[in-house]
Amino acid sequence: MDLSSKWIIGLLFGLCATASTANYQPLPETCDGLPKLPIGTAPGTCLGLMVSAESGAAFIKPRKALEIPDGNRILVTDMGGWGAGKGILWLLEFEDNRYRNLRKASRLATGLNLPHDIKSGPGGYFYLGEADRIVRFRIAGDQITAQETVIEGLPFAPGKHLHPLTSFVFLPDNDLLVNAGSKSDDCGLTRDRPQCNEIDSVGLRRYHYLSEEQRWDGNFELYASGLRNSMALVVHSSGTILQAENSTDRKDAEEPYEEINIIREGGFYGWPYCFNRKLDTGFIPDGCSQADYIEPYSLMPPHVAPLDMLYYSGDRLPIPKGSLLMSWHGYRVIGHRLVSYPTTAEGLPILDKNPVFNRDPIPPARDFTRHIFSPKGGSAGDAQHREIVSHWNPVQGLRPEGAPVGLLQLKDGSLLIVDDKNKALLRLSNGEAYREHGRKYQTADIDGIRFEGGTRRLLLEHCSGCHTELSGNPGELLNRQNGWLREEDGRTLLEHRLTAPSGFMPPTGRLAESEIGTILQAL
């Protein structure tokens, strides 16, 4: 496709970031000049609302952001949903370099194919990852120039690809390391089908940079395999490459744990034969004892869904320089957090013999609970994280559940966080932390579905392992306001996710048409 047919200038909006949103309801106070949000953060920090779909730009599913060096402008990728060809690249222009008031929002590009990652790179270009390619471009004023495809033929299979999104990092020699996510959750392994046909294609691809020609070789090598979905990648100044693994979406809420891996050329990191450190799935003999198997450097709590990470180098936040910051996107009771890890001189999180993690309360319970790492297969030590943004669980009438994706350290040292489900950009800065005092949690009302009979059985059987609210407080999810039954493009979110060509739910496999029909007839 001719690139010029995809890169178009959109409508400009003059908007102010101080208005409240239907999802995030700011407090009557500010966080470093922005409307403060009722979300728990580490002492000396607070979260402010920069811009949202209702108060700034018509986001649909924003994912990552990039600061433009000159001026007060930020680029934002927006998937536009899980269908191909719906993505948007936004250009946001603010009144000042503190990003307090949004002056206008421009659709720089539309019709993109599931855009996700965006970075600055060689030659002073901006690089954007779509599901099937990586493109680069420059910006002149509010227009895209010098656009070209640098990597094409990424493994996207519409309707048959559970993890189609592209993330990438530049290595010190400008080689590109690119995620090639799995098409399935666990490769569909069974006792009768113990071999995975994705082993030689899933993992991290390396594309060599041809410096004399200032381009990348179109041929690639599989640099590391056995990695299910490498959304979070980072390269330390020492040369260390870290990957945070999104492990399999089993129904078991306690297993498997997520992983932090040190990426080495030729390494096999376990998927789908070995989870945690030594948890053999039993499909092939000695799944955790393959000759090229590299054990995780550290485990993380189960199902936290790490989607981005960076090394903090600023002064504005009370976070030590060199700390590894990571977004946990997971919707289970351990997810929706921003965490930090102290690191060594090589950028490795410091290991602890007795790490712990916290779980959210499920109403009517009110207290967060602490738990010791206890992965199946054992572990001699894992990195202890610190919660920077912690109380981000949904509380009716106060806040929605957080869904952090992209992280961006701004020029002033504050941190931009992209929340895709709530269609918002948030900023973590210095200030007085929000604290909850004596708030009573209420059981939410079910609204918009008959949660009974076959519908109830199917949702509990296929969804409650991840979404524990269905068992204890189903109205938290089954409502029209901010739950699964809110409408987007004339259909409920539940219908979108059950029938989506990519990113469908449940991740273990699409439901039969008759089962989907049973659920939708109850709406």
Protein backbone atom coordinates (compact mmCIF):
# COMPACT_ATOMS: atom_id res chain seq x y z
CA MET A 1 0.00 0.00 0.00
CA ASP A 2 1.21 3.51 -0.84
CA LEU A 3 2.17 5.14 2.44
CA SER A 4 0.76 8.47 1.37
CA SER A 5 -2.70 6.93 1.30
CA LYS A 6 -2.46 6.15 5.01
CA TRP A 7 -0.82 9.28 6.40
CA ILE A 8 -3.41 12.07 6.39
CA ILE A 9 -4.05 15.19 8.37
CA GLY A 10 -7.06 15.07 10.67
CA LEU A 11 -9.31 17.54 12.40
CA LEU A 12 -7.84 19.92 14.97
CA PHE A 13 -9.50 20.36 18.32
CA GLY A 14 -8.99 23.25 20.73
CA LEU A 15 -9.55 21.72 24.14
CA CYS A 16 -8.57 22.15 27.77
CA ALA A 17 -7.24 19.33 29.93
CA THR A 18 -8.90 20.56 33.11
CA ALA A 19 -12.37 19.15 32.48
CA SER A 20 -13.36 15.93 34.23
CA THR A 21 -14.09 12.69 32.40
CA ALA A 22 -16.78 10.05 32.58
CA ASN A 23 -14.21 7.55 33.82
CA TYR A 24 -11.67 9.48 35.86
CA GLN A 25 -13.26 11.96 38.27
CA PRO A 26 -10.59 14.42 39.48
CA LEU A 27 -10.49 15.71 43.03
CA PRO A 28 -11.02 19.42 43.79
CA GLU A 29 -7.26 19.86 44.08
CA THR A 30 -4.27 19.67 41.77
CA CYS A 31 -1.21 17.49 41.28
CA ASP A 32 1.65 19.69 40.08
CA GLY A 33 -0.78 21.84 38.11
CA LEU A 34 -3.03 19.07 36.76
CA PRO A 35 -6.38 17.83 38.12
CA LYS A 36 -5.48 15.31 40.84
CA LEU A 37 -6.87 11.78 40.65
CA PRO A 38 -8.02 9.63 43.61
CA ILE A 39 -5.42 6.93 43.01
CA GLY A 40 -2.95 5.72 45.63
CA THR A 41 0.71 6.51 44.93
CA ALA A 42 4.06 6.36 46.70
CA PRO A 43 4.80 9.10 49.28
CA GLY A 44 5.79 12.37 47.65
CA THR A 45 4.03 11.57 44.36
CA CYS A 46 0.57 12.04 42.87
CA LEU A 47 -1.27 11.33 39.63
CA GLY A 48 -2.73 14.10 37.49
CA LEU A 49 -5.04 13.91 34.47
CA MET A 50 -3.29 15.30 31.37
CA VAL A 51 -5.88 14.51 28.71
CA SER A 52 -8.59 11.96 27.99
CA ALA A 53 -11.12 11.01 25.35
CA GLU A 54 -13.72 13.25 26.97
CA SER A 55 -11.51 16.16 27.95
CA GLY A 56 -8.90 16.39 25.24
CA ALA A 57 -8.67 13.98 22.31
CA ALA A 58 -11.05 11.39 20.92
CA PHE A 59 -8.90 8.43 21.94
CA ILE A 60 -10.23 4.94 21.29
CA LYS A 61 -7.42 2.68 22.57
CA PRO A 62 -4.23 4.71 23.14
CA ARG A 63 -1.10 2.67 23.76
CA LYS A 64 2.21 4.55 23.81
CA ALA A 65 3.50 8.12 23.66
CA LEU A 66 6.62 9.99 22.56
CA GLU A 67 7.76 13.51 23.36
CA ILE A 68 8.85 15.65 20.40
CA PRO A 69 12.11 17.41 21.38
CA ASP A 70 11.21 20.87 20.07
CA GLY A 71 8.05 22.53 21.31
CA ASN A 72 5.31 21.28 23.61
CA ARG A 73 4.08 18.33 21.57
CA ILE A 74 3.50 14.62 22.16
CA LEU A 75 2.79 11.78 19.72
CA VAL A 76 0.33 9.07 20.81
CA THR A 77 -0.39 5.75 19.10
CA ASP A 78 -4.01 4.61 19.18
CA MET A 79 -4.98 1.09 18.08
CA GLY A 80 -8.56 2.18 17.40
CA GLY A 81 -9.73 -1.21 18.70
CA TRP A 82 -8.63 -4.73 17.80
CA GLY A 83 -9.63 -4.63 14.14
CA ALA A 84 -7.01 -4.07 11.43
CA GLY A 85 -6.90 -0.71 9.66
CA LYS A 86 -8.52 1.33 12.44
CA GLY A 87 -5.43 2.78 14.10
CA ILE A 88 -4.60 6.46 14.59
CA LEU A 89 -1.45 8.47 15.24
CA TRP A 90 -2.24 11.58 17.31
CA LEU A 91 -0.23 14.78 17.61
CA LEU A 92 -1.05 16.65 20.83
CA GLU A 93 0.04 20.26 21.24
CA PHE A 94 0.02 21.88 24.69
CA GLU A 95 0.17 25.49 25.81
CA ASP A 96 3.43 25.08 27.74
CA ASN A 97 6.22 22.59 28.40
CA ARG A 98 4.50 21.37 31.58
CA TYR A 99 1.68 19.91 29.48
CA ARG A 100 -1.00 21.49 31.66
CA ASN A 101 -3.46 22.56 28.96
CA LEU A 102 -4.06 20.86 25.63
CA ARG A 103 -4.36 23.39 22.84
CA LYS A 104 -5.14 21.07 19.94
CA ALA A 105 -5.14 17.42 18.92
CA SER A 106 -4.45 16.34 15.34
CA ARG A 107 -4.97 12.99 13.66
CA LEU A 108 -1.66 12.77 11.84
CA ALA A 109 -2.48 9.36 10.41
CA THR A 110 -5.51 7.09 10.20
CA GLY A 111 -6.15 3.62 8.82
CA LEU A 112 -3.12 2.18 10.60
CA ASN A 113 -2.83 -1.52 11.36
CA LEU A 114 -2.89 -1.95 15.17
CA PRO A 115 -0.19 0.67 15.92
CA HIS A 116 1.51 0.20 19.28
CA ASP A 117 5.16 1.15 19.80
CA ILE A 118 6.74 4.49 18.87
CA LYS A 119 10.34 5.59 19.43
CA SER A 120 12.98 8.06 18.31
CA GLY A 121 15.79 6.37 16.42
CA PRO A 122 18.68 6.57 13.95
CA GLY A 123 18.76 9.55 11.62
CA GLY A 124 16.52 11.66 13.82
CA TYR A 125 13.41 9.83 12.59
CA PHE A 126 10.36 8.71 14.53
CA TYR A 127 9.73 4.96 14.27
CA LEU A 128 6.25 3.45 14.59
CA GLY A 129 5.35 -0.23 14.88
CA GLU A 130 2.21 -1.58 13.21
CA ALA A 131 1.17 -5.22 13.35
CA ASP A 132 2.76 -6.03 9.99
CA ARG A 133 5.56 -3.47 9.65
CA ILE A 134 7.70 -0.68 11.14
CA VAL A 135 7.69 2.71 9.45
CA ARG A 136 9.73 5.86 10.03
CA PHE A 137 8.99 9.51 9.34
CA ARG A 138 9.72 13.11 10.26
CA ILE A 139 7.33 15.88 11.27
CA ALA A 140 7.27 19.36 9.73
CA GLY A 141 4.73 21.57 11.49
CA ASP A 142 1.69 19.34 11.79
CA GLN A 143 2.44 17.14 8.79
CA ILE A 144 4.32 13.90 8.28
CA THR A 145 7.24 13.95 5.85
CA ALA A 146 10.01 11.60 4.64
CA GLN A 147 7.91 8.54 5.39
CA GLU A 148 9.09 5.06 4.50
CA THR A 149 8.74 1.44 5.56
CA VAL A 150 11.91 0.09 7.19
CA ILE A 151 10.71 -3.39 8.24
CA GLU A 152 7.88 -5.27 6.54
CA GLY A 153 6.41 -8.75 6.57
CA LEU A 154 5.98 -9.01 10.34
CA PRO A 155 3.97 -12.15 11.24
CA PHE A 156 0.41 -10.80 11.43
CA ALA A 157 -2.47 -13.20 10.70
CA PRO A 158 -5.83 -11.39 11.08
CA GLY A 159 -8.36 -13.54 12.90
CA LYS A 160 -5.72 -16.10 13.87
CA HIS A 161 -3.28 -14.06 15.93
CA LEU A 162 -3.67 -13.57 19.68
CA HIS A 163 -0.55 -11.39 20.08
CA PRO A 164 -0.12 -9.32 16.90
CA LEU A 165 1.28 -6.08 18.36
CA THR A 166 4.77 -4.85 17.51
CA SER A 167 7.22 -3.63 20.12
CA PHE A 168 10.89 -3.04 19.39
CA VAL A 169 14.18 -1.64 20.72
CA PHE A 170 17.34 -0.39 19.08
CA LEU A 171 20.53 -2.18 20.08
CA PRO A 172 23.80 -0.22 20.55
CA ASP A 173 24.81 -0.93 16.92
CA ASN A 174 21.32 0.20 15.73
CA ASP A 175 20.19 -3.36 15.00
CA LEU A 176 16.45 -3.70 15.59
CA LEU A 177 15.11 -6.27 18.05
CA VAL A 178 11.42 -6.84 17.27
CA ASN A 179 8.72 -8.80 19.09
CA ALA A 180 7.07 -11.65 17.20
CA GLY A 181 4.22 -12.66 19.51
CA SER A 182 2.56 -16.06 19.58
CA LYS A 183 -0.62 -16.70 17.64
CA SER A 184 -2.06 -18.70 20.53
CA ASP A 185 -2.01 -18.84 24.32
CA ASP A 186 -0.13 -22.13 24.76
CA CYS A 187 0.24 -23.35 21.16
CA GLY A 188 -2.82 -25.58 21.62
CA LEU A 189 -0.74 -28.35 23.11
CA THR A 190 -2.45 -31.59 24.13
CA ARG A 191 -1.26 -35.10 24.98
CA ASP A 192 -2.02 -36.06 21.36
CA ARG A 193 -0.31 -32.93 20.00
CA PRO A 194 2.73 -32.32 22.22
CA GLN A 195 4.91 -30.44 19.70
CA CYS A 196 4.51 -26.70 19.10
CA ASN A 197 4.69 -25.52 15.49
CA GLU A 198 5.40 -21.92 16.55
CA ILE A 199 8.75 -22.58 18.26
CA ASP A 200 10.81 -21.45 15.26
CA SER A 201 8.85 -18.24 14.68
CA VAL A 202 7.87 -16.82 18.10
CA GLY A 203 10.26 -14.69 20.12
CA LEU A 204 12.54 -11.77 19.23
CA ARG A 205 13.72 -11.08 15.69
CA ARG A 206 16.95 -9.22 14.98
CA TYR A 207 17.23 -7.09 11.85
CA HIS A 208 20.80 -5.99 11.11
CA TYR A 209 21.47 -2.31 10.46
CA LEU A 210 23.41 -1.58 7.26
CA SER A 211 25.16 1.62 8.32
CA GLU A 212 26.56 2.55 4.91
CA GLU A 213 23.09 2.34 3.38
CA GLN A 214 21.31 3.67 6.50
CA ARG A 215 18.71 0.92 6.36
CA TRP A 216 17.97 -2.51 7.83
CA ASP A 217 18.49 -5.83 6.12
CA GLY A 218 15.08 -7.23 5.23
CA ASN A 219 16.19 -10.70 6.30
CA PHE A 220 16.09 -11.46 10.01
CA GLU A 221 17.33 -14.03 12.47
CA LEU A 222 15.40 -15.36 15.46
CA TYR A 223 17.60 -13.86 18.16
CA ALA A 224 15.73 -15.49 21.09
CA SER A 225 12.88 -18.02 21.17
CA GLY A 226 10.41 -19.40 23.71
CA LEU A 227 9.05 -15.91 24.47
CA ARG A 228 5.27 -15.77 24.24
CA ASN A 229 4.75 -12.01 23.99
CA SER A 230 7.54 -9.44 24.47
CA MET A 231 5.64 -6.18 24.91
CA ALA A 232 8.08 -4.81 27.52
CA LEU A 233 11.66 -4.51 26.26
CA VAL A 234 14.50 -2.26 27.43
CA VAL A 235 18.22 -1.89 26.72
CA HIS A 236 20.47 -0.64 29.54
CA SER A 237 23.45 1.63 28.87
CA SER A 238 25.71 -1.29 29.87
CA GLY A 239 24.28 -3.36 27.00
CA THR A 240 21.97 -5.54 29.13
CA ILE A 241 18.75 -6.43 27.28
CA LEU A 242 15.73 -7.16 29.49
CA GLN A 243 12.40 -8.63 28.46
CA ALA A 244 9.32 -8.89 30.67
CA GLU A 245 7.33 -11.95 29.66
CA ASN A 246 3.55 -12.13 29.47
CA SER A 247 3.16 -15.77 30.40
CA THR A 248 0.25 -18.03 29.53
CA ASP A 249 -3.32 -17.00 30.47
CA ARG A 250 -4.26 -20.14 32.35
CA LYS A 251 -7.48 -20.14 34.32
CA ASP A 252 -5.45 -20.65 37.50
CA ALA A 253 -5.21 -17.23 39.18
CA GLU A 254 -2.07 -18.34 41.06
CA GLU A 255 0.03 -19.65 38.16
CA PRO A 256 2.12 -19.20 36.19
CA TYR A 257 4.24 -16.27 37.35
CA GLU A 258 5.41 -13.61 34.90
CA GLU A 259 9.14 -13.36 34.12
CA ILE A 260 12.01 -10.91 33.77
CA ASN A 261 14.49 -12.37 31.28
CA ILE A 262 18.03 -11.36 30.34
CA ILE A 263 18.04 -11.74 26.57
CA ARG A 264 21.00 -13.57 25.08
CA GLU A 265 21.49 -14.54 21.47
CA GLY A 266 20.30 -18.07 20.73
CA GLY A 267 18.54 -18.51 24.05
CA PHE A 268 15.31 -20.51 24.48
CA TYR A 269 13.15 -19.12 27.29
CA GLY A 270 10.63 -21.89 27.84
CA TRP A 271 7.29 -21.16 26.15
CA PRO A 272 5.24 -23.31 25.84
CA TYR A 273 7.10 -26.21 27.49
CA CYS A 274 8.43 -24.62 30.68
CA PHE A 275 6.98 -21.90 32.93
CA ASN A 276 8.31 -20.11 36.01
CA ARG A 277 11.83 -21.42 36.54
CA LYS A 278 11.33 -25.18 36.52
CA LEU A 279 7.59 -25.79 36.00
CA ASP A 280 7.54 -28.45 33.29
CA THR A 281 4.25 -28.61 31.36
CA GLY A 282 4.88 -32.28 30.59
CA PHE A 283 4.15 -32.11 26.86
CA ILE A 284 7.68 -33.07 25.84
CA PRO A 285 10.34 -34.94 27.84
CA ASP A 286 12.36 -32.62 30.09
CA GLY A 287 10.73 -29.40 28.90
CA CYS A 288 12.79 -27.33 31.35
CA SER A 289 16.05 -29.11 30.57
CA GLN A 290 16.58 -28.24 26.91
CA ALA A 291 20.23 -27.54 26.04
CA ASP A 292 19.60 -23.90 25.14
CA TYR A 293 17.05 -23.17 27.91
CA ILE A 294 17.76 -20.00 29.88
CA GLU A 295 15.99 -19.70 33.22
CA PRO A 296 14.28 -16.37 34.05
CA TYR A 297 16.49 -13.89 35.88
CA SER A 298 13.52 -13.13 38.16
CA LEU A 299 9.88 -13.98 38.48
CA MET A 300 7.06 -11.47 38.97
CA PRO A 301 3.63 -12.12 40.50
CA PRO A 302 1.22 -14.17 38.36
CA HIS A 303 -0.74 -12.52 35.54
CA VAL A 304 0.40 -8.93 36.11
CA ALA A 305 0.81 -8.44 32.32
CA PRO A 306 3.92 -6.24 32.00
CA LEU A 307 3.56 -3.98 28.96
CA ASP A 308 6.36 -1.42 29.19
CA MET A 309 9.50 -0.59 31.16
CA LEU A 310 12.21 2.06 31.30
CA TYR A 311 15.17 3.11 33.44
CA TYR A 312 14.35 6.30 35.34
CA SER A 313 16.97 9.05 35.00
CA GLY A 314 15.13 12.14 36.26
CA ASP A 315 15.16 14.27 39.39
CA ARG A 316 11.50 15.20 39.76
CA LEU A 317 10.25 12.00 41.38
CA PRO A 318 11.45 10.50 44.69
CA ILE A 319 12.68 7.44 42.81
CA PRO A 320 16.39 6.56 42.72
CA LYS A 321 18.08 7.16 39.38
CA GLY A 322 18.61 3.95 37.48
CA SER A 323 15.49 2.30 38.90
CA LEU A 324 13.60 0.06 36.50
CA LEU A 325 9.99 1.24 36.14
CA MET A 326 7.38 -1.18 34.79
CA SER A 327 3.68 -0.97 33.94
CA TRP A 328 1.48 -3.88 35.03
CA HIS A 329 -1.61 -3.85 32.85
CA GLY A 330 -3.24 -6.99 34.27
CA TYR A 331 -6.90 -6.90 35.23
CA ARG A 332 -6.58 -9.58 37.92
CA VAL A 333 -6.22 -8.48 41.53
CA ILE A 334 -2.42 -8.20 41.36
CA GLY A 335 -2.28 -6.11 38.19
CA HIS A 336 -3.04 -2.44 37.32
CA ARG A 337 0.04 -1.02 39.01
CA LEU A 338 3.21 0.91 38.30
CA VAL A 339 6.19 -0.64 40.07
CA SER A 340 9.90 0.07 40.40
CA TYR A 341 12.95 -2.11 40.99
CA PRO A 342 16.34 -1.01 42.36
CA THR A 343 19.05 -2.18 39.98
CA THR A 344 22.73 -3.06 39.77
CA ALA A 345 25.30 -1.22 37.65
CA GLU A 346 24.33 -3.57 34.79
CA GLY A 347 20.65 -2.62 35.05
CA LEU A 348 19.57 -5.88 36.71
CA PRO A 349 16.85 -5.78 39.39
CA ILE A 350 18.30 -6.67 42.79
CA LEU A 351 17.22 -10.14 43.97
CA ASP A 352 15.66 -10.91 47.34
CA LYS A 353 15.21 -14.27 49.07
CA ASN A 354 11.71 -13.46 50.35
CA PRO A 355 9.86 -11.14 47.94
CA VAL A 356 6.18 -10.33 48.49
CA PHE A 357 3.30 -8.81 46.53
CA ASN A 358 -0.11 -7.28 47.29
CA ARG A 359 -3.59 -8.23 46.16
CA ASP A 360 -6.57 -5.91 45.76
CA PRO A 361 -9.66 -6.42 47.91
CA ILE A 362 -12.71 -7.90 46.21
CA PRO A 363 -15.84 -6.25 47.67
CA PRO A 364 -17.24 -6.56 50.22
CA ALA A 365 -13.67 -7.08 51.50
CA ARG A 366 -11.86 -3.76 52.03
CA ASP A 367 -8.25 -4.58 52.80
CA PHE A 368 -5.30 -5.14 50.49
CA THR A 369 -3.47 -8.32 51.45
CA ARG A 370 0.22 -9.26 51.31
CA HIS A 371 1.47 -12.58 49.91
CA ILE A 372 4.83 -14.34 49.67
CA PHE A 373 6.16 -15.47 46.29
CA SER A 374 5.47 -19.21 46.06
CA PRO A 375 5.84 -20.27 42.41
CA LYS A 376 5.44 -23.89 41.42
CA GLY A 377 8.83 -25.32 40.58
CA GLY A 378 10.49 -23.24 43.29
CA SER A 379 12.82 -20.24 43.28
CA ALA A 380 15.95 -19.29 45.23
CA GLY A 381 15.27 -15.58 44.94
CA ASP A 382 13.43 -12.97 42.91
CA ALA A 383 13.40 -9.19 42.60
CA GLN A 384 11.35 -7.24 45.15
CA HIS A 385 9.32 -4.50 43.50
CA ARG A 386 8.08 -1.30 45.10
CA GLU A 387 4.57 -0.11 44.27
CA ILE A 388 4.69 3.44 42.88
CA VAL A 389 1.04 3.54 41.76
CA SER A 390 -0.82 1.00 43.87
CA HIS A 391 -4.45 1.68 44.82
CA TRP A 392 -5.76 1.61 41.26
CA ASN A 393 -8.48 -0.97 41.79
CA PRO A 394 -12.04 -0.01 40.71
CA VAL A 395 -14.12 1.74 43.35
CA GLN A 396 -17.66 2.64 42.35
CA GLY A 397 -18.19 6.38 42.33
CA LEU A 398 -14.48 7.09 42.84
CA ARG A 399 -12.30 5.64 40.08
CA PRO A 400 -12.17 2.98 37.36
CA GLU A 401 -9.67 0.15 37.30
CA GLY A 402 -6.35 1.35 35.91
CA ALA A 403 -4.88 -0.08 32.73
CA PRO A 404 -1.35 1.30 32.30
CA VAL A 405 0.40 0.55 29.01
CA GLY A 406 3.08 2.94 27.76
CA LEU A 407 5.54 4.79 30.01
CA LEU A 408 7.40 7.95 29.00
CA GLN A 409 9.81 10.00 31.09
CA LEU A 410 9.14 13.63 30.19
CA LYS A 411 11.82 16.31 29.88
CA ASP A 412 11.10 17.63 33.38
CA GLY A 413 11.52 14.19 34.97
CA SER A 414 7.84 13.49 35.54
CA LEU A 415 6.33 10.31 34.09
CA LEU A 416 3.59 10.06 31.47
CA ILE A 417 1.41 6.93 31.72
CA VAL A 418 -0.90 5.85 28.90
CA ASP A 419 -4.12 4.17 30.14
CA ASP A 420 -5.74 2.40 27.19
CA LYS A 421 -9.00 1.15 28.72
CA ASN A 422 -9.84 4.54 30.23
CA LYS A 423 -8.58 6.40 27.15
CA ALA A 424 -6.39 8.80 29.08
CA LEU A 425 -2.90 10.19 29.53
CA LEU A 426 -1.87 10.55 33.17
CA ARG A 427 1.19 12.23 34.67
CA LEU A 428 3.00 11.04 37.78
CA SER A 429 4.75 13.99 39.42
CA ASN A 430 5.88 15.23 42.81
CA GLY A 431 3.19 16.22 45.28
CA GLU A 432 1.09 14.99 48.16
CA ALA A 433 -0.06 11.41 47.68
CA TYR A 434 -3.78 10.59 47.72
CA ARG A 435 -4.90 8.50 50.67
CA GLU A 436 -8.20 6.71 51.24
CA HIS A 437 -9.67 6.93 54.72
CA GLY A 438 -12.56 4.80 55.89
CA ARG A 439 -14.19 4.38 52.50
CA LYS A 440 -16.80 1.63 52.32
CA TYR A 441 -16.82 -0.64 49.31
CA GLN A 442 -20.23 -1.44 47.85
CA THR A 443 -21.43 -4.41 45.86
CA ALA A 444 -22.14 -3.19 42.31
CA ASP A 445 -25.49 -3.82 40.61
CA ILE A 446 -25.67 -5.99 37.49
CA ASP A 447 -27.06 -3.87 34.66
CA GLY A 448 -27.72 -4.90 31.06
CA ILE A 449 -27.53 -8.70 31.09
CA ARG A 450 -29.47 -11.65 32.49
CA PHE A 451 -26.68 -13.27 34.50
CA GLU A 452 -28.34 -16.66 34.89
CA GLY A 453 -28.61 -20.12 33.35
CA GLY A 454 -26.29 -20.91 30.44
CA THR A 455 -24.93 -17.37 30.27
CA ARG A 456 -23.83 -17.43 33.90
CA ARG A 457 -22.33 -20.90 33.50
CA LEU A 458 -20.32 -19.93 30.40
CA LEU A 459 -18.98 -16.69 31.86
CA LEU A 460 -18.00 -18.34 35.12
CA GLU A 461 -16.41 -21.32 33.36
CA HIS A 462 -14.39 -19.36 30.81
CA CYS A 463 -13.84 -15.95 32.41
CA SER A 464 -13.87 -16.10 36.21
CA GLY A 465 -10.38 -17.59 36.45
CA CYS A 466 -9.01 -14.24 35.28
CA HIS A 467 -11.90 -11.97 36.25
CA THR A 468 -12.53 -13.07 39.83
CA GLU A 469 -15.15 -10.32 40.23
CA LEU A 470 -17.61 -12.55 38.34
CA SER A 471 -17.74 -14.86 41.34
CA GLY A 472 -17.80 -12.30 44.15
CA ASN A 473 -19.03 -9.01 42.69
CA PRO A 474 -20.19 -9.53 39.07
CA GLY A 475 -21.77 -6.09 38.80
CA GLU A 476 -18.26 -4.63 38.85
CA LEU A 477 -17.89 -5.96 35.29
CA LEU A 478 -21.47 -6.52 34.13
CA ASN A 479 -22.71 -2.94 33.87
CA ARG A 480 -23.39 -0.38 31.14
CA GLN A 481 -21.46 2.52 32.65
CA ASN A 482 -17.81 1.45 32.64
CA GLY A 483 -17.97 -2.35 32.46
CA TRP A 484 -18.29 -4.98 29.78
CA LEU A 485 -21.74 -3.79 28.70
CA ARG A 486 -20.82 -0.24 27.74
CA GLU A 487 -21.29 0.33 24.03
CA GLU A 488 -18.61 1.13 21.47
CA ASP A 489 -19.62 1.54 17.80
CA GLY A 490 -23.11 0.25 18.58
CA ARG A 491 -21.96 -2.98 20.22
CA THR A 492 -21.11 -3.85 23.79
CA LEU A 493 -17.50 -4.31 24.80
CA LEU A 494 -18.36 -7.92 25.67
CA GLU A 495 -19.49 -8.60 22.09
CA HIS A 496 -16.39 -6.90 20.68
CA ARG A 497 -14.05 -9.08 22.76
CA LEU A 498 -15.90 -12.35 22.09
CA THR A 499 -15.86 -11.80 18.31
CA ALA A 500 -12.69 -9.72 17.69
CA PRO A 501 -10.38 -10.97 14.89
CA SER A 502 -7.35 -10.34 17.14
CA GLY A 503 -7.01 -10.01 20.90
CA PHE A 504 -10.20 -12.00 21.42
CA MET A 505 -11.31 -13.38 24.75
CA PRO A 506 -11.02 -15.86 26.34
CA PRO A 507 -7.35 -16.05 25.30
CA THR A 508 -7.31 -19.82 25.66
CA GLY A 509 -9.44 -20.07 22.50
CA ARG A 510 -12.45 -18.48 20.86
CA LEU A 511 -15.81 -19.77 22.11
CA ALA A 512 -18.07 -21.74 19.79
CA GLU A 513 -20.62 -19.68 17.85
CA SER A 514 -23.44 -21.32 19.83
CA GLU A 515 -21.78 -20.34 23.12
CA ILE A 516 -21.25 -16.75 21.96
CA GLY A 517 -24.89 -16.69 20.87
CA THR A 518 -26.06 -17.86 24.29
CA ILE A 519 -24.18 -15.03 26.00
CA LEU A 520 -25.25 -12.31 23.57
CA GLN A 521 -28.91 -13.34 23.70
CA ALA A 522 -28.85 -12.51 27.41
CA LEU A 523 -28.02 -8.85 26.77
